[in-house]
PDB file of N, CA and C in Angstrom:
ATOM      1  N   UNK A   1       0.844  -1.180   0.000  1.00  0.00           N
ATOM      2  CA  UNK A   1       0.000   0.000   0.000  1.00  0.00           C
ATOM      3  C   UNK A   1       0.887   1.241   0.000  1.00  0.00           C
ATOM      4  N   UNK A   2       0.542   2.228  -0.800  1.00  0.00           N
ATOM      5  CA  UNK A   2       1.321   3.460  -0.912  1.00  0.00           C
ATOM      6  C   UNK A   2       1.159   4.313   0.342  1.00  0.00           C
ATOM      7  N   UNK A   3       2.200   5.076   0.652  1.00  0.00           N
ATOM      8  CA  UNK A   3       2.149   5.978   1.796  1.00  0.00           C
ATOM      9  C   UNK A   3       1.268   7.179   1.464  1.00  0.00           C
ATOM     10  N   UNK A   4       0.635   7.716   2.474  1.00  0.00           N
ATOM     11  CA  UNK A   4      -0.212   8.891   2.287  1.00  0.00           C
ATOM     12  C   UNK A   4       0.647  10.129   2.101  1.00  0.00           C
ATOM     13  N   UNK A   5       0.156  11.055   1.291  1.00  0.00           N
ATOM     14  CA  UNK A   5       0.833  12.329   1.125  1.00  0.00           C
ATOM     15  C   UNK A   5       0.465  13.235   2.301  1.00  0.00           C
ATOM     16  N   UNK A   6       1.172  14.340   2.450  1.00  0.00           N
ATOM     17  CA  UNK A   6       0.844  15.299   3.510  1.00  0.00           C
ATOM     18  C   UNK A   6      -0.574  15.822   3.339  1.00  0.00           C
ATOM     19  N   UNK A   7      -0.970  16.021   2.097  1.00  0.00           N
ATOM     20  CA  UNK A   7      -2.323  16.498   1.823  1.00  0.00           C
ATOM     21  C   UNK A   7      -3.355  15.476   2.274  1.00  0.00           C
ATOM     22  N   UNK A   8      -3.129  14.205   1.934  1.00  0.00           N
ATOM     23  CA  UNK A   8      -4.066  13.152   2.341  1.00  0.00           C
ATOM     24  C   UNK A   8      -4.129  13.032   3.856  1.00  0.00           C
ATOM     25  N   UNK A   9      -2.980  13.135   4.512  1.00  0.00           N
ATOM     26  CA  UNK A   9      -2.958  13.050   5.977  1.00  0.00           C
ATOM     27  C   UNK A   9      -3.759  14.179   6.594  1.00  0.00           C
ATOM     28  N   UNK A  10      -3.564  15.399   6.090  1.00  0.00           N
ATOM     29  CA  UNK A  10      -4.301  16.549   6.618  1.00  0.00           C
ATOM     30  C   UNK A  10      -5.800  16.371   6.397  1.00  0.00           C
ATOM     31  N   UNK A  11      -6.187  15.888   5.229  1.00  0.00           N
ATOM     32  CA  UNK A  11      -7.608  15.654   4.953  1.00  0.00           C
ATOM     33  C   UNK A  11      -8.194  14.603   5.894  1.00  0.00           C
ATOM     34  N   UNK A  12      -7.437  13.546   6.177  1.00  0.00           N
ATOM     35  CA  UNK A  12      -7.912  12.502   7.083  1.00  0.00           C
ATOM     36  C   UNK A  12      -8.036  13.021   8.515  1.00  0.00           C
ATOM     37  N   UNK A  13      -7.056  13.796   8.962  1.00  0.00           N
ATOM     38  CA  UNK A  13      -7.136  14.384  10.309  1.00  0.00           C
ATOM     39  C   UNK A  13      -8.328  15.336  10.380  1.00  0.00           C
ATOM     40  N   UNK A  14      -8.520  16.130   9.336  1.00  0.00           N
ATOM     41  CA  UNK A  14      -9.644  17.063   9.332  1.00  0.00           C
ATOM     42  C   UNK A  14     -10.988  16.343   9.331  1.00  0.00           C
ATOM     43  N   UNK A  15     -11.069  15.223   8.622  1.00  0.00           N
ATOM     44  CA  UNK A  15     -12.309  14.433   8.629  1.00  0.00           C
ATOM     45  C   UNK A  15     -12.576  13.897  10.036  1.00  0.00           C
ATOM     46  N   UNK A  16     -11.536  13.414  10.683  1.00  0.00           N
ATOM     47  CA  UNK A  16     -11.676  12.920  12.058  1.00  0.00           C
ATOM     48  C   UNK A  16     -12.060  14.061  12.996  1.00  0.00           C
ATOM     49  N   UNK A  17     -11.444  15.207  12.816  1.00  0.00           N
ATOM     50  CA  UNK A  17     -11.749  16.383  13.638  1.00  0.00           C
ATOM     51  C   UNK A  17     -13.214  16.783  13.479  1.00  0.00           C
ATOM     52  N   UNK A  18     -13.696  16.743  12.234  1.00  0.00           N
ATOM     53  CA  UNK A  18     -15.095  17.071  11.980  1.00  0.00           C
ATOM     54  C   UNK A  18     -16.046  16.125  12.690  1.00  0.00           C
ATOM     55  N   UNK A  19     -15.734  14.851  12.654  1.00  0.00           N
ATOM     56  CA  UNK A  19     -16.581  13.862  13.344  1.00  0.00           C
ATOM     57  C   UNK A  19     -16.587  14.109  14.845  1.00  0.00           C
ATOM     58  N   UNK A  20     -15.396  14.318  15.408  1.00  0.00           N
ATOM     59  CA  UNK A  20     -15.298  14.544  16.853  1.00  0.00           C
ATOM     60  C   UNK A  20     -16.010  15.829  17.268  1.00  0.00           C
ATOM     61  N   UNK A  21     -15.890  16.871  16.441  1.00  0.00           N
ATOM     62  CA  UNK A  21     -16.527  18.147  16.790  1.00  0.00           C
ATOM     63  C   UNK A  21     -18.054  18.064  16.730  1.00  0.00           C
ATOM     64  N   UNK A  22     -18.582  17.072  16.011  1.00  0.00           N
ATOM     65  CA  UNK A  22     -20.029  16.853  15.975  1.00  0.00           C
ATOM     66  C   UNK A  22     -20.500  15.922  17.092  1.00  0.00           C
ATOM     67  N   UNK A  23     -19.583  15.547  17.985  1.00  0.00           N
ATOM     68  CA  UNK A  23     -19.957  14.739  19.136  1.00  0.00           C
ATOM     69  C   UNK A  23     -19.900  13.241  18.923  1.00  0.00           C
ATOM     70  N   UNK A  24     -19.319  12.794  17.823  1.00  0.00           N
ATOM     71  CA  UNK A  24     -19.194  11.362  17.564  1.00  0.00           C
ATOM     72  C   UNK A  24     -18.109  10.807  18.493  1.00  0.00           C
ATOM     73  N   UNK A  25     -18.322   9.644  19.049  1.00  0.00           N
ATOM     74  CA  UNK A  25     -17.346   9.045  19.952  1.00  0.00           C
ATOM     75  C   UNK A  25     -16.079   8.657  19.183  1.00  0.00           C
ATOM     76  N   UNK A  26     -14.996   8.456  19.912  1.00  0.00           N
ATOM     77  CA  UNK A  26     -13.716   8.085  19.305  1.00  0.00           C
ATOM     78  C   UNK A  26     -13.850   6.783  18.530  1.00  0.00           C
ATOM     79  N   UNK A  27     -14.492   5.797  19.138  1.00  0.00           N
ATOM     80  CA  UNK A  27     -14.656   4.500  18.498  1.00  0.00           C
ATOM     81  C   UNK A  27     -15.475   4.610  17.220  1.00  0.00           C
ATOM     82  N   UNK A  28     -16.582   5.329  17.299  1.00  0.00           N
ATOM     83  CA  UNK A  28     -17.438   5.478  16.128  1.00  0.00           C
ATOM     84  C   UNK A  28     -16.744   6.307  15.042  1.00  0.00           C
ATOM     85  N   UNK A  29     -16.008   7.335  15.456  1.00  0.00           N
ATOM     86  CA  UNK A  29     -15.282   8.170  14.490  1.00  0.00           C
ATOM     87  C   UNK A  29     -14.248   7.337  13.735  1.00  0.00           C
ATOM     88  N   UNK A  30     -13.517   6.501  14.451  1.00  0.00           N
ATOM     89  CA  UNK A  30     -12.512   5.649  13.811  1.00  0.00           C
ATOM     90  C   UNK A  30     -13.173   4.672  12.842  1.00  0.00           C
ATOM     91  N   UNK A  31     -14.288   4.106  13.233  1.00  0.00           N
ATOM     92  CA  UNK A  31     -15.009   3.164  12.378  1.00  0.00           C
ATOM     93  C   UNK A  31     -15.503   3.853  11.101  1.00  0.00           C
ATOM     94  N   UNK A  32     -16.088   5.029  11.255  1.00  0.00           N
ATOM     95  CA  UNK A  32     -16.580   5.777  10.092  1.00  0.00           C
ATOM     96  C   UNK A  32     -15.420   6.168   9.185  1.00  0.00           C
ATOM     97  N   UNK A  33     -14.346   6.673   9.786  1.00  0.00           N
ATOM     98  CA  UNK A  33     -13.181   7.089   9.014  1.00  0.00           C
ATOM     99  C   UNK A  33     -12.600   5.922   8.229  1.00  0.00           C
ATOM    100  N   UNK A  34     -12.482   4.770   8.867  1.00  0.00           N
ATOM    101  CA  UNK A  34     -11.942   3.586   8.195  1.00  0.00           C
ATOM    102  C   UNK A  34     -12.818   3.182   7.015  1.00  0.00           C
ATOM    103  N   UNK A  35     -14.113   3.183   7.227  1.00  0.00           N
ATOM    104  CA  UNK A  35     -15.043   2.768   6.174  1.00  0.00           C
ATOM    105  C   UNK A  35     -15.063   3.781   5.022  1.00  0.00           C
ATOM    106  N   UNK A  36     -15.195   5.055   5.338  1.00  0.00           N
ATOM    107  CA  UNK A  36     -15.357   6.071   4.297  1.00  0.00           C
ATOM    108  C   UNK A  36     -14.068   6.406   3.553  1.00  0.00           C
ATOM    109  N   UNK A  37     -12.938   6.235   4.200  1.00  0.00           N
ATOM    110  CA  UNK A  37     -11.675   6.634   3.581  1.00  0.00           C
ATOM    111  C   UNK A  37     -10.789   5.451   3.205  1.00  0.00           C
ATOM    112  N   UNK A  38     -11.300   4.235   3.394  1.00  0.00           N
ATOM    113  CA  UNK A  38     -10.545   3.053   2.992  1.00  0.00           C
ATOM    114  C   UNK A  38      -9.279   2.839   3.805  1.00  0.00           C
ATOM    115  N   UNK A  39      -9.356   3.136   5.100  1.00  0.00           N
ATOM    116  CA  UNK A  39      -8.209   2.977   5.990  1.00  0.00           C
ATOM    117  C   UNK A  39      -8.392   1.744   6.850  1.00  0.00           C
ATOM    118  N   UNK A  40      -7.292   1.250   7.381  1.00  0.00           N
ATOM    119  CA  UNK A  40      -7.415   0.208   8.385  1.00  0.00           C
ATOM    120  C   UNK A  40      -7.954   0.862   9.653  1.00  0.00           C
ATOM    121  N   UNK A  41      -8.572   0.081  10.498  1.00  0.00           N
ATOM    122  CA  UNK A  41      -9.114   0.615  11.743  1.00  0.00           C
ATOM    123  C   UNK A  41      -7.993   1.187  12.610  1.00  0.00           C
ATOM    124  N   UNK A  42      -6.863   0.531  12.603  1.00  0.00           N
ATOM    125  CA  UNK A  42      -5.711   0.988  13.379  1.00  0.00           C
ATOM    126  C   UNK A  42      -5.262   2.383  12.908  1.00  0.00           C
ATOM    127  N   UNK A  43      -5.160   2.551  11.585  1.00  0.00           N
ATOM    128  CA  UNK A  43      -4.749   3.842  11.050  1.00  0.00           C
ATOM    129  C   UNK A  43      -5.806   4.904  11.323  1.00  0.00           C
ATOM    130  N   UNK A  44      -7.064   4.526  11.215  1.00  0.00           N
ATOM    131  CA  UNK A  44      -8.149   5.472  11.494  1.00  0.00           C
ATOM    132  C   UNK A  44      -8.063   5.975  12.939  1.00  0.00           C
ATOM    133  N   UNK A  45      -7.765   5.070  13.869  1.00  0.00           N
ATOM    134  CA  UNK A  45      -7.602   5.480  15.268  1.00  0.00           C
ATOM    135  C   UNK A  45      -6.450   6.471  15.413  1.00  0.00           C
ATOM    136  N   UNK A  46      -5.376   6.283  14.648  1.00  0.00           N
ATOM    137  CA  UNK A  46      -4.245   7.225  14.709  1.00  0.00           C
ATOM    138  C   UNK A  46      -4.691   8.619  14.272  1.00  0.00           C
ATOM    139  N   UNK A  47      -5.471   8.673  13.203  1.00  0.00           N
ATOM    140  CA  UNK A  47      -5.958   9.966  12.738  1.00  0.00           C
ATOM    141  C   UNK A  47      -6.909  10.593  13.757  1.00  0.00           C
ATOM    142  N   UNK A  48      -7.744   9.794  14.369  1.00  0.00           N
ATOM    143  CA  UNK A  48      -8.675  10.307  15.382  1.00  0.00           C
ATOM    144  C   UNK A  48      -7.887  10.821  16.587  1.00  0.00           C
ATOM    145  N   UNK A  49      -6.877  10.094  17.006  1.00  0.00           N
ATOM    146  CA  UNK A  49      -6.056  10.546  18.132  1.00  0.00           C
ATOM    147  C   UNK A  49      -5.349  11.850  17.804  1.00  0.00           C
ATOM    148  N   UNK A  50      -4.864  11.975  16.589  1.00  0.00           N
ATOM    149  CA  UNK A  50      -4.221  13.227  16.162  1.00  0.00           C
ATOM    150  C   UNK A  50      -5.251  14.356  16.166  1.00  0.00           C
ATOM    151  N   UNK A  51      -6.452  14.068  15.701  1.00  0.00           N
ATOM    152  CA  UNK A  51      -7.510  15.075  15.653  1.00  0.00           C
ATOM    153  C   UNK A  51      -7.900  15.553  17.049  1.00  0.00           C
ATOM    154  N   UNK A  52      -7.763  14.694  18.029  1.00  0.00           N
ATOM    155  CA  UNK A  52      -8.103  15.079  19.404  1.00  0.00           C
ATOM    156  C   UNK A  52      -7.135  16.110  19.961  1.00  0.00           C
ATOM    157  N   UNK A  53      -5.943  16.220  19.379  1.00  0.00           N
ATOM    158  CA  UNK A  53      -4.921  17.128  19.904  1.00  0.00           C
ATOM    159  C   UNK A  53      -4.945  18.515  19.258  1.00  0.00           C
ATOM    160  N   UNK A  54      -5.797  18.702  18.258  1.00  0.00           N
ATOM    161  CA  UNK A  54      -5.825  20.003  17.572  1.00  0.00           C
ATOM    162  C   UNK A  54      -7.106  20.751  17.913  1.00  0.00           C
ATOM    163  N   UNK A  55      -7.023  22.059  17.870  1.00  0.00           N
ATOM    164  CA  UNK A  55      -8.194  22.878  18.193  1.00  0.00           C
ATOM    165  C   UNK A  55      -9.047  23.175  16.967  1.00  0.00           C
ATOM    166  N   UNK A  56      -8.394  23.291  15.820  1.00  0.00           N
ATOM    167  CA  UNK A  56      -9.130  23.564  14.576  1.00  0.00           C
ATOM    168  C   UNK A  56      -8.527  22.733  13.457  1.00  0.00           C
ATOM    169  N   UNK A  57      -9.235  22.671  12.370  1.00  0.00           N
ATOM    170  CA  UNK A  57      -8.804  21.862  11.225  1.00  0.00           C
ATOM    171  C   UNK A  57      -7.434  22.320  10.730  1.00  0.00           C
ATOM    172  N   UNK A  58      -6.661  21.369  10.222  1.00  0.00           N
ATOM    173  CA  UNK A  58      -5.343  21.661   9.678  1.00  0.00           C
ATOM    174  C   UNK A  58      -5.469  22.309   8.306  1.00  0.00           C
ATOM    175  N   UNK A  59      -4.546  23.200   7.982  1.00  0.00           N
ATOM    176  CA  UNK A  59      -4.555  23.739   6.620  1.00  0.00           C
ATOM    177  C   UNK A  59      -4.136  22.648   5.640  1.00  0.00           C
ATOM    178  N   UNK A  60      -4.796  22.605   4.513  1.00  0.00           N
ATOM    179  CA  UNK A  60      -4.486  21.590   3.504  1.00  0.00           C
ATOM    180  C   UNK A  60      -3.768  22.286   2.358  1.00  0.00           C
ATOM    181  N   UNK A  61      -2.524  21.901   2.172  1.00  0.00           N
ATOM    182  CA  UNK A  61      -1.741  22.507   1.107  1.00  0.00           C
ATOM    183  C   UNK A  61      -1.970  21.824  -0.222  1.00  0.00           C
ATOM    184  N   UNK A  62      -1.523  22.496  -1.240  1.00  0.00           N
ATOM    185  CA  UNK A  62      -1.618  21.940  -2.585  1.00  0.00           C
ATOM    186  C   UNK A  62      -0.573  20.831  -2.718  1.00  0.00           C
ATOM    187  N   UNK A  63      -0.910  19.714  -3.342  1.00  0.00           N
ATOM    188  CA  UNK A  63       0.068  18.639  -3.493  1.00  0.00           C
ATOM    189  C   UNK A  63       1.269  19.097  -4.324  1.00  0.00           C
ATOM    190  N   UNK A  64       2.433  18.618  -3.957  1.00  0.00           N
ATOM    191  CA  UNK A  64       3.655  18.950  -4.695  1.00  0.00           C
ATOM    192  C   UNK A  64       3.863  17.954  -5.823  1.00  0.00           C
ATOM    193  N   UNK A  65       4.505  18.424  -6.864  1.00  0.00           N
ATOM    194  CA  UNK A  65       4.849  17.558  -7.988  1.00  0.00           C
ATOM    195  C   UNK A  65       6.356  17.662  -8.220  1.00  0.00           C
ATOM    196  N   UNK A  66       6.963  16.591  -8.677  1.00  0.00           N
ATOM    197  CA  UNK A  66       8.410  16.635  -8.904  1.00  0.00           C
ATOM    198  C   UNK A  66       8.765  17.510 -10.098  1.00  0.00           C
ATOM    199  N   UNK A  67       9.897  18.192  -9.977  1.00  0.00           N
ATOM    200  CA  UNK A  67      10.412  19.022 -11.068  1.00  0.00           C
ATOM    201  C   UNK A  67      11.932  18.914 -11.043  1.00  0.00           C
ATOM    202  N   UNK A  68      12.538  18.978 -12.185  1.00  0.00           N
ATOM    203  CA  UNK A  68      13.992  18.880 -12.282  1.00  0.00           C
ATOM    204  C   UNK A  68      14.550  20.199 -12.788  1.00  0.00           C
ATOM    205  N   UNK A  69      15.530  20.731 -12.079  1.00  0.00           N
ATOM    206  CA  UNK A  69      16.184  21.979 -12.456  1.00  0.00           C
ATOM    207  C   UNK A  69      17.685  21.770 -12.445  1.00  0.00           C
ATOM    208  N   UNK A  70      18.348  22.490 -13.297  1.00  0.00           N
ATOM    209  CA  UNK A  70      19.811  22.505 -13.283  1.00  0.00           C
ATOM    210  C   UNK A  70      20.238  23.852 -12.721  1.00  0.00           C
ATOM    211  N   UNK A  71      21.045  23.790 -11.662  1.00  0.00           N
ATOM    212  CA  UNK A  71      21.558  25.013 -11.058  1.00  0.00           C
ATOM    213  C   UNK A  71      23.066  24.862 -10.875  1.00  0.00           C
ATOM    214  N   UNK A  72      23.767  25.965 -10.792  1.00  0.00           N
ATOM    215  CA  UNK A  72      25.217  25.882 -10.612  1.00  0.00           C
ATOM    216  C   UNK A  72      25.583  25.141  -9.319  1.00  0.00           C
ATOM    217  N   UNK A  73      26.704  24.441  -9.366  1.00  0.00           N
ATOM    218  CA  UNK A  73      27.160  23.637  -8.231  1.00  0.00           C
ATOM    219  C   UNK A  73      27.326  24.482  -6.967  1.00  0.00           C
ATOM    220  N   UNK A  74      27.861  25.698  -7.111  1.00  0.00           N
ATOM    221  CA  UNK A  74      28.075  26.538  -5.931  1.00  0.00           C
ATOM    222  C   UNK A  74      26.749  26.978  -5.301  1.00  0.00           C
ATOM    223  N   UNK A  75      25.736  27.200  -6.132  1.00  0.00           N
ATOM    224  CA  UNK A  75      24.412  27.558  -5.612  1.00  0.00           C
ATOM    225  C   UNK A  75      23.819  26.376  -4.857  1.00  0.00           C
ATOM    226  N   UNK A  76      23.998  25.180  -5.379  1.00  0.00           N
ATOM    227  CA  UNK A  76      23.507  23.979  -4.697  1.00  0.00           C
ATOM    228  C   UNK A  76      24.202  23.804  -3.352  1.00  0.00           C
ATOM    229  N   UNK A  77      25.496  24.056  -3.309  1.00  0.00           N
ATOM    230  CA  UNK A  77      26.239  23.948  -2.047  1.00  0.00           C
ATOM    231  C   UNK A  77      25.694  24.948  -1.021  1.00  0.00           C
ATOM    232  N   UNK A  78      25.412  26.165  -1.460  1.00  0.00           N
ATOM    233  CA  UNK A  78      24.838  27.181  -0.568  1.00  0.00           C
ATOM    234  C   UNK A  78      23.448  26.769  -0.100  1.00  0.00           C
ATOM    235  N   UNK A  79      22.677  26.215  -1.026  1.00  0.00           N
ATOM    236  CA  UNK A  79      21.327  25.766  -0.704  1.00  0.00           C
ATOM    237  C   UNK A  79      21.365  24.660   0.352  1.00  0.00           C
ATOM    238  N   UNK A  80      22.258  23.712   0.180  1.00  0.00           N
ATOM    239  CA  UNK A  80      22.379  22.611   1.153  1.00  0.00           C
ATOM    240  C   UNK A  80      22.842  23.117   2.513  1.00  0.00           C
ATOM    241  N   UNK A  81      23.768  24.056   2.516  1.00  0.00           N
ATOM    242  CA  UNK A  81      24.242  24.626   3.781  1.00  0.00           C
ATOM    243  C   UNK A  81      23.109  25.362   4.496  1.00  0.00           C
ATOM    244  N   UNK A  82      22.350  26.142   3.734  1.00  0.00           N
ATOM    245  CA  UNK A  82      21.210  26.864   4.305  1.00  0.00           C
ATOM    246  C   UNK A  82      20.184  25.873   4.857  1.00  0.00           C
ATOM    247  N   UNK A  83      19.943  24.804   4.120  1.00  0.00           N
ATOM    248  CA  UNK A  83      18.998  23.766   4.542  1.00  0.00           C
ATOM    249  C   UNK A  83      19.429  23.150   5.869  1.00  0.00           C
ATOM    250  N   UNK A  84      20.702  22.807   5.958  1.00  0.00           N
ATOM    251  CA  UNK A  84      21.217  22.174   7.175  1.00  0.00           C
ATOM    252  C   UNK A  84      21.154  23.115   8.376  1.00  0.00           C
ATOM    253  N   UNK A  85      21.458  24.390   8.162  1.00  0.00           N
ATOM    254  CA  UNK A  85      21.495  25.325   9.287  1.00  0.00           C
ATOM    255  C   UNK A  85      20.101  25.767   9.737  1.00  0.00           C
ATOM    256  N   UNK A  86      19.118  25.673   8.852  1.00  0.00           N
ATOM    257  CA  UNK A  86      17.770  26.135   9.194  1.00  0.00           C
ATOM    258  C   UNK A  86      16.761  25.006   9.395  1.00  0.00           C
ATOM    259  N   UNK A  87      17.159  23.770   9.135  1.00  0.00           N
ATOM    260  CA  UNK A  87      16.254  22.642   9.334  1.00  0.00           C
ATOM    261  C   UNK A  87      15.114  22.592   8.344  1.00  0.00           C
ATOM    262  N   UNK A  88      15.318  23.179   7.170  1.00  0.00           N
ATOM    263  CA  UNK A  88      14.292  23.164   6.132  1.00  0.00           C
ATOM    264  C   UNK A  88      14.722  22.248   5.003  1.00  0.00           C
ATOM    265  N   UNK A  89      13.758  21.673   4.314  1.00  0.00           N
ATOM    266  CA  UNK A  89      14.084  20.837   3.164  1.00  0.00           C
ATOM    267  C   UNK A  89      14.477  21.723   1.985  1.00  0.00           C
ATOM    268  N   UNK A  90      15.211  21.133   1.050  1.00  0.00           N
ATOM    269  CA  UNK A  90      15.573  21.868  -0.159  1.00  0.00           C
ATOM    270  C   UNK A  90      14.314  22.345  -0.883  1.00  0.00           C
ATOM    271  N   UNK A  91      13.316  21.470  -0.954  1.00  0.00           N
ATOM    272  CA  UNK A  91      12.056  21.822  -1.622  1.00  0.00           C
ATOM    273  C   UNK A  91      11.383  23.016  -0.964  1.00  0.00           C
ATOM    274  N   UNK A  92      11.362  23.041   0.355  1.00  0.00           N
ATOM    275  CA  UNK A  92      10.719  24.145   1.068  1.00  0.00           C
ATOM    276  C   UNK A  92      11.435  25.464   0.784  1.00  0.00           C
ATOM    277  N   UNK A  93      12.753  25.446   0.771  1.00  0.00           N
ATOM    278  CA  UNK A  93      13.526  26.664   0.516  1.00  0.00           C
ATOM    279  C   UNK A  93      13.294  27.160  -0.909  1.00  0.00           C
ATOM    280  N   UNK A  94      13.383  26.256  -1.873  1.00  0.00           N
ATOM    281  CA  UNK A  94      13.210  26.647  -3.277  1.00  0.00           C
ATOM    282  C   UNK A  94      11.791  27.143  -3.513  1.00  0.00           C
ATOM    283  N   UNK A  95      10.799  26.486  -2.925  1.00  0.00           N
ATOM    284  CA  UNK A  95       9.405  26.913  -3.088  1.00  0.00           C
ATOM    285  C   UNK A  95       9.212  28.323  -2.544  1.00  0.00           C
ATOM    286  N   UNK A  96       9.734  28.588  -1.344  1.00  0.00           N
ATOM    287  CA  UNK A  96       9.610  29.925  -0.764  1.00  0.00           C
ATOM    288  C   UNK A  96      10.280  30.976  -1.637  1.00  0.00           C
ATOM    289  N   UNK A  97      11.475  30.661  -2.107  1.00  0.00           N
ATOM    290  CA  UNK A  97      12.221  31.617  -2.932  1.00  0.00           C
ATOM    291  C   UNK A  97      11.489  31.899  -4.236  1.00  0.00           C
ATOM    292  N   UNK A  98      10.978  30.862  -4.866  1.00  0.00           N
ATOM    293  CA  UNK A  98      10.265  31.051  -6.127  1.00  0.00           C
ATOM    294  C   UNK A  98       8.975  31.853  -5.932  1.00  0.00           C
ATOM    295  N   UNK A  99       8.244  31.548  -4.874  1.00  0.00           N
ATOM    296  CA  UNK A  99       7.012  32.297  -4.602  1.00  0.00           C
ATOM    297  C   UNK A  99       7.326  33.767  -4.373  1.00  0.00           C
ATOM    298  N   UNK A 100       8.373  34.042  -3.598  1.00  0.00           N
ATOM    299  CA  UNK A 100       8.765  35.421  -3.326  1.00  0.00           C
ATOM    300  C   UNK A 100       9.160  36.129  -4.621  1.00  0.00           C
ATOM    301  N   UNK A 101       9.923  35.449  -5.457  1.00  0.00           N
ATOM    302  CA  UNK A 101      10.361  36.021  -6.728  1.00  0.00           C
ATOM    303  C   UNK A 101       9.166  36.293  -7.640  1.00  0.00           C
ATOM    304  N   UNK A 102       8.276  35.334  -7.753  1.00  0.00           N
ATOM    305  CA  UNK A 102       7.117  35.488  -8.632  1.00  0.00           C
ATOM    306  C   UNK A 102       6.168  36.571  -8.131  1.00  0.00           C
ATOM    307  N   UNK A 103       6.011  36.677  -6.830  1.00  0.00           N
ATOM    308  CA  UNK A 103       5.147  37.699  -6.251  1.00  0.00           C
ATOM    309  C   UNK A 103       5.729  39.084  -6.502  1.00  0.00           C
ATOM    310  N   UNK A 104       7.020  39.245  -6.282  1.00  0.00           N
ATOM    311  CA  UNK A 104       7.624  40.564  -6.482  1.00  0.00           C
ATOM    312  C   UNK A 104       7.622  40.952  -7.959  1.00  0.00           C
ATOM    313  N   UNK A 105       7.759  39.990  -8.862  1.00  0.00           N
ATOM    314  CA  UNK A 105       7.708  40.267 -10.299  1.00  0.00           C
ATOM    315  C   UNK A 105       6.332  40.771 -10.690  1.00  0.00           C
ATOM    316  N   UNK A 106       5.285  40.130 -10.191  1.00  0.00           N
ATOM    317  CA  UNK A 106       3.912  40.567 -10.493  1.00  0.00           C
ATOM    318  C   UNK A 106       3.643  41.966  -9.944  1.00  0.00           C
ATOM    319  N   UNK A 107       4.150  42.248  -8.750  1.00  0.00           N
ATOM    320  CA  UNK A 107       3.925  43.565  -8.155  1.00  0.00           C
ATOM    321  C   UNK A 107       4.645  44.654  -8.939  1.00  0.00           C
ATOM    322  N   UNK A 108       5.845  44.348  -9.427  1.00  0.00           N
ATOM    323  CA  UNK A 108       6.593  45.325 -10.216  1.00  0.00           C
ATOM    324  C   UNK A 108       5.877  45.627 -11.520  1.00  0.00           C
ATOM    325  N   UNK A 109       5.309  44.613 -12.153  1.00  0.00           N
ATOM    326  CA  UNK A 109       4.584  44.813 -13.406  1.00  0.00           C
ATOM    327  C   UNK A 109       3.352  45.678 -13.200  1.00  0.00           C
ATOM    328  N   UNK A 110       2.666  45.474 -12.082  1.00  0.00           N
ATOM    329  CA  UNK A 110       1.453  46.227 -11.796  1.00  0.00           C
ATOM    330  C   UNK A 110       1.753  47.695 -11.503  1.00  0.00           C
ATOM    331  N   UNK A 111       2.862  47.939 -10.794  1.00  0.00           N
ATOM    332  CA  UNK A 111       3.156  49.298 -10.336  1.00  0.00           C
ATOM    333  C   UNK A 111       4.216  49.987 -11.196  1.00  0.00           C
ATOM    334  N   UNK A 112       4.825  49.282 -12.131  1.00  0.00           N
ATOM    335  CA  UNK A 112       5.943  49.882 -12.849  1.00  0.00           C
ATOM    336  C   UNK A 112       5.705  50.240 -14.221  1.00  0.00           C
TER     337      UNK A 112
END
């Protein structure tokens, strides 16, 4: 069986949270979650337990897709060093940088 993505995990926790917030018992919530989402009962209980620890639904991000880029070796070395010192993944750093770049480009076009 394939591993769940972060998006799928967040959706499952949110489904469990919704059931619990409507007053459904832990046992019944796990049973419903397992049946409706095709999970094992054991995994459904894990999602229900996680849902019990949060106050509101988790944000659900857009799924990531793989992309291949060629960058200079020295830039990659800097990226890896930054990743190690900040505890962020390479993907997270590149995504943030690209979003910032794309946002500032759009703003310059609008105002320039």
